[in-house]
Amino acid sequence: MIPITPSIRLDDSELEERFIRSPGPGGQKVNKVATAVQLRFDIGRSRSVPAPVKRRLIRLAGRRVSNAGILTVEAHRFRIRERNREDALERLVELIREASHQPRPRKKTKPTRMSNERRLALKRRRAQTKHRRGTPHWDD
């Protein structure tokens, strides 16, 4: 079990990892050793994550979630397979932790009378400045 928050714990069986060759430049080992990791997590089938957190997680993850609802986290920052595995897991845990925080609902507010007056005064000043830029009209 992987602890996320006090109430959410991920089961190891819900995660699937696959090792692939790292993209980008490298040394002599780059075409021989699969050190990068793809960590896959099926959000829809997960029993560990509550439904509201799942919805926020899909919205937060963006392009990393497929149409089937599978979240893919790729890690290829390090040259060692174990470090990449830890990095991918940390990033997944952080993403779920972020999705577990429920945003505070927004309260509708009206602008204050003074702020409205300031805005209108600024608009009048700006209009005067632009009006003065025109060609002068002589009343002769």
C-alpha atoms as a PDB file:
ATOM      1  CA  MET A   1       0.000   0.000   0.000  1.00  0.00           C
ATOM      2  CA  ILE A   2       1.246   3.436  -0.970  1.00  0.00           C
ATOM      3  CA  PRO A   3       0.090   6.193   1.422  1.00  0.00           C
ATOM      4  CA  ILE A   4      -1.198   9.328  -0.326  1.00  0.00           C
ATOM      5  CA  THR A   5      -3.259  11.075   2.374  1.00  0.00           C
ATOM      6  CA  PRO A   6      -4.563   9.771   5.710  1.00  0.00           C
ATOM      7  CA  SER A   7      -7.726   8.529   3.970  1.00  0.00           C
ATOM      8  CA  ILE A   8      -6.304   7.486   0.559  1.00  0.00           C
ATOM      9  CA  ARG A   9      -3.922   4.575   0.069  1.00  0.00           C
ATOM     10  CA  LEU A  10      -3.041   3.150  -3.352  1.00  0.00           C
ATOM     11  CA  ASP A  11      -2.784  -0.586  -3.787  1.00  0.00           C
ATOM     12  CA  ASP A  12       0.368  -1.734  -5.608  1.00  0.00           C
ATOM     13  CA  SER A  13      -1.742  -3.929  -7.896  1.00  0.00           C
ATOM     14  CA  GLU A  14      -3.450  -0.815  -9.348  1.00  0.00           C
ATOM     15  CA  LEU A  15      -0.157   0.387 -10.822  1.00  0.00           C
ATOM     16  CA  GLU A  16       1.445  -1.007 -13.957  1.00  0.00           C
ATOM     17  CA  GLU A  17       4.990  -0.082 -14.894  1.00  0.00           C
ATOM     18  CA  ARG A  18       6.795  -0.623 -18.143  1.00  0.00           C
ATOM     19  CA  PHE A  19      10.428   0.119 -18.856  1.00  0.00           C
ATOM     20  CA  ILE A  20      11.321   1.782 -22.137  1.00  0.00           C
ATOM     21  CA  ARG A  21      14.420   3.294 -23.701  1.00  0.00           C
ATOM     22  CA  SER A  22      15.034   6.882 -22.693  1.00  0.00           C
ATOM     23  CA  PRO A  23      14.464   9.518 -25.359  1.00  0.00           C
ATOM     24  CA  GLY A  24      17.012  12.190 -26.218  1.00  0.00           C
ATOM     25  CA  PRO A  25      20.781  12.149 -26.407  1.00  0.00           C
ATOM     26  CA  GLY A  26      22.850   9.681 -24.465  1.00  0.00           C
ATOM     27  CA  GLY A  27      26.057   7.742 -24.305  1.00  0.00           C
ATOM     28  CA  GLN A  28      26.957   4.266 -25.486  1.00  0.00           C
ATOM     29  CA  LYS A  29      24.220   2.616 -23.395  1.00  0.00           C
ATOM     30  CA  VAL A  30      21.309   4.666 -24.739  1.00  0.00           C
ATOM     31  CA  ASN A  31      20.196   2.147 -27.377  1.00  0.00           C
ATOM     32  CA  LYS A  32      20.777  -0.926 -25.223  1.00  0.00           C
ATOM     33  CA  VAL A  33      19.285  -0.286 -21.781  1.00  0.00           C
ATOM     34  CA  ALA A  34      15.636   0.484 -20.986  1.00  0.00           C
ATOM     35  CA  THR A  35      15.988   2.821 -18.011  1.00  0.00           C
ATOM     36  CA  ALA A  36      12.980   5.113 -18.507  1.00  0.00           C
ATOM     37  CA  VAL A  37       9.727   4.063 -16.853  1.00  0.00           C
ATOM     38  CA  GLN A  38       6.087   4.471 -17.868  1.00  0.00           C
ATOM     39  CA  LEU A  39       3.833   4.239 -14.834  1.00  0.00           C
ATOM     40  CA  ARG A  40       0.190   3.579 -15.708  1.00  0.00           C
ATOM     41  CA  PHE A  41      -2.722   4.055 -13.326  1.00  0.00           C
ATOM     42  CA  ASP A  42      -6.314   3.229 -14.321  1.00  0.00           C
ATOM     43  CA  ILE A  43      -8.296   6.016 -12.680  1.00  0.00           C
ATOM     44  CA  GLY A  44     -11.727   4.624 -13.553  1.00  0.00           C
ATOM     45  CA  ARG A  45     -11.175   1.158 -12.075  1.00  0.00           C
ATOM     46  CA  SER A  46      -9.354   2.297  -8.960  1.00  0.00           C
ATOM     47  CA  ARG A  47     -11.085   1.367  -5.715  1.00  0.00           C
ATOM     48  CA  SER A  48      -8.663   3.406  -3.596  1.00  0.00           C
ATOM     49  CA  VAL A  49      -9.543   6.853  -4.922  1.00  0.00           C
ATOM     50  CA  PRO A  50     -12.965   8.448  -4.198  1.00  0.00           C
ATOM     51  CA  ALA A  51     -15.081   9.681  -7.143  1.00  0.00           C
ATOM     52  CA  PRO A  52     -14.647  13.470  -6.546  1.00  0.00           C
ATOM     53  CA  VAL A  53     -10.868  13.027  -6.361  1.00  0.00           C
ATOM     54  CA  LYS A  54     -10.972  10.992  -9.601  1.00  0.00           C
ATOM     55  CA  ARG A  55     -12.774  13.833 -11.396  1.00  0.00           C
ATOM     56  CA  ARG A  56     -10.273  16.428 -10.155  1.00  0.00           C
ATOM     57  CA  LEU A  57      -7.368  14.110 -11.011  1.00  0.00           C
ATOM     58  CA  ILE A  58      -8.546  13.712 -14.621  1.00  0.00           C
ATOM     59  CA  ARG A  59      -8.867  17.496 -14.932  1.00  0.00           C
ATOM     60  CA  LEU A  60      -5.433  18.101 -13.348  1.00  0.00           C
ATOM     61  CA  ALA A  61      -3.585  15.469 -15.367  1.00  0.00           C
ATOM     62  CA  GLY A  62      -4.783  16.862 -18.707  1.00  0.00           C
ATOM     63  CA  ARG A  63      -3.077  15.209 -21.686  1.00  0.00           C
ATOM     64  CA  ARG A  64      -1.515  12.495 -19.542  1.00  0.00           C
ATOM     65  CA  VAL A  65      -4.921  10.770 -19.251  1.00  0.00           C
ATOM     66  CA  SER A  66      -6.062   8.673 -22.213  1.00  0.00           C
ATOM     67  CA  ASN A  67      -9.666   8.417 -23.430  1.00  0.00           C
ATOM     68  CA  ALA A  68      -9.900   5.125 -21.543  1.00  0.00           C
ATOM     69  CA  GLY A  69      -9.124   6.941 -18.272  1.00  0.00           C
ATOM     70  CA  ILE A  70      -5.576   5.645 -17.853  1.00  0.00           C
ATOM     71  CA  LEU A  71      -3.085   8.106 -16.384  1.00  0.00           C
ATOM     72  CA  THR A  72       0.464   7.678 -17.715  1.00  0.00           C
ATOM     73  CA  VAL A  73       3.462   9.180 -15.928  1.00  0.00           C
ATOM     74  CA  GLU A  74       6.811   8.951 -17.723  1.00  0.00           C
ATOM     75  CA  ALA A  75      10.124   9.384 -15.934  1.00  0.00           C
ATOM     76  CA  HIS A  76      13.484   9.465 -17.700  1.00  0.00           C
ATOM     77  CA  ARG A  77      15.336  12.116 -15.720  1.00  0.00           C
ATOM     78  CA  PHE A  78      17.890   9.704 -14.246  1.00  0.00           C
ATOM     79  CA  ARG A  79      20.195   7.090 -15.771  1.00  0.00           C
ATOM     80  CA  ILE A  80      19.223   4.436 -13.229  1.00  0.00           C
ATOM     81  CA  ARG A  81      16.010   2.442 -13.538  1.00  0.00           C
ATOM     82  CA  GLU A  82      15.266   2.482  -9.791  1.00  0.00           C
ATOM     83  CA  ARG A  83      15.589   6.278  -9.531  1.00  0.00           C
ATOM     84  CA  ASN A  84      13.232   6.726 -12.498  1.00  0.00           C
ATOM     85  CA  ARG A  85      10.749   4.333 -10.888  1.00  0.00           C
ATOM     86  CA  GLU A  86      10.836   6.340  -7.635  1.00  0.00           C
ATOM     87  CA  ASP A  87      10.537   9.614  -9.554  1.00  0.00           C
ATOM     88  CA  ALA A  88       7.451   8.433 -11.472  1.00  0.00           C
ATOM     89  CA  LEU A  89       5.808   7.166  -8.279  1.00  0.00           C
ATOM     90  CA  GLU A  90       6.539  10.438  -6.433  1.00  0.00           C
ATOM     91  CA  ARG A  91       5.014  12.444  -9.287  1.00  0.00           C
ATOM     92  CA  LEU A  92       1.893  10.247  -9.325  1.00  0.00           C
ATOM     93  CA  VAL A  93       1.481  10.519  -5.541  1.00  0.00           C
ATOM     94  CA  GLU A  94       1.911  14.311  -5.696  1.00  0.00           C
ATOM     95  CA  LEU A  95      -0.687  14.573  -8.475  1.00  0.00           C
ATOM     96  CA  ILE A  96      -3.234  12.518  -6.492  1.00  0.00           C
ATOM     97  CA  ARG A  97      -2.450  14.505  -3.342  1.00  0.00           C
ATOM     98  CA  GLU A  98      -3.084  17.751  -5.220  1.00  0.00           C
ATOM     99  CA  ALA A  99      -6.377  16.377  -6.577  1.00  0.00           C
ATOM    100  CA  SER A 100      -7.477  15.338  -3.078  1.00  0.00           C
ATOM    101  CA  HIS A 101      -7.628  18.962  -1.912  1.00  0.00           C
ATOM    102  CA  GLN A 102     -11.140  20.249  -2.453  1.00  0.00           C
ATOM    103  CA  PRO A 103     -11.117  23.843  -3.717  1.00  0.00           C
ATOM    104  CA  ARG A 104     -13.025  26.379  -1.650  1.00  0.00           C
ATOM    105  CA  PRO A 105     -16.209  27.539  -3.398  1.00  0.00           C
ATOM    106  CA  ARG A 106     -16.069  31.079  -4.748  1.00  0.00           C
ATOM    107  CA  LYS A 107     -18.298  33.664  -3.087  1.00  0.00           C
ATOM    108  CA  LYS A 108     -19.877  36.182  -5.409  1.00  0.00           C
ATOM    109  CA  THR A 109     -19.084  39.751  -4.405  1.00  0.00           C
ATOM    110  CA  LYS A 110     -20.085  43.156  -5.690  1.00  0.00           C
ATOM    111  CA  PRO A 111     -17.462  45.816  -6.361  1.00  0.00           C
ATOM    112  CA  THR A 112     -17.440  48.545  -3.740  1.00  0.00           C
ATOM    113  CA  ARG A 113     -18.856  51.971  -4.556  1.00  0.00           C
ATOM    114  CA  MET A 114     -15.404  53.565  -4.247  1.00  0.00           C
ATOM    115  CA  SER A 115     -13.761  51.071  -6.603  1.00  0.00           C
ATOM    116  CA  ASN A 116     -16.525  51.709  -9.147  1.00  0.00           C
ATOM    117  CA  GLU A 117     -15.944  55.485  -8.890  1.00  0.00           C
ATOM    118  CA  ARG A 118     -12.174  55.030  -9.267  1.00  0.00           C
ATOM    119  CA  ARG A 119     -12.707  52.909 -12.385  1.00  0.00           C
ATOM    120  CA  LEU A 120     -15.030  55.490 -13.956  1.00  0.00           C
ATOM    121  CA  ALA A 121     -12.657  58.378 -13.102  1.00  0.00           C
ATOM    122  CA  LEU A 122      -9.801  56.486 -14.738  1.00  0.00           C
ATOM    123  CA  LYS A 123     -11.931  55.920 -17.839  1.00  0.00           C
ATOM    124  CA  ARG A 124     -12.752  59.658 -18.021  1.00  0.00           C
ATOM    125  CA  ARG A 125      -9.072  60.594 -17.686  1.00  0.00           C
ATOM    126  CA  ARG A 126      -8.086  58.113 -20.395  1.00  0.00           C
ATOM    127  CA  ALA A 127     -10.821  59.419 -22.727  1.00  0.00           C
ATOM    128  CA  GLN A 128      -9.624  63.020 -22.217  1.00  0.00           C
ATOM    129  CA  THR A 129      -6.032  62.023 -23.028  1.00  0.00           C
ATOM    130  CA  LYS A 130      -7.114  60.358 -26.250  1.00  0.00           C
ATOM    131  CA  HIS A 131      -9.414  63.260 -27.162  1.00  0.00           C
ATOM    132  CA  ARG A 132      -6.503  65.730 -26.860  1.00  0.00           C
ATOM    133  CA  ARG A 133      -4.389  63.702 -29.294  1.00  0.00           C
ATOM    134  CA  GLY A 134      -6.647  64.642 -32.200  1.00  0.00           C
ATOM    135  CA  THR A 135      -5.992  67.467 -34.653  1.00  0.00           C
ATOM    136  CA  PRO A 136      -6.582  70.884 -33.108  1.00  0.00           C
ATOM    137  CA  HIS A 137      -9.781  72.694 -34.114  1.00  0.00           C
ATOM    138  CA  TRP A 138      -9.395  76.457 -34.309  1.00  0.00           C
ATOM    139  CA  ASP A 139     -12.517  78.502 -33.828  1.00  0.00           C
ATOM    140  CA  ASP A 140     -11.303  81.481 -35.933  1.00  0.00           C
END
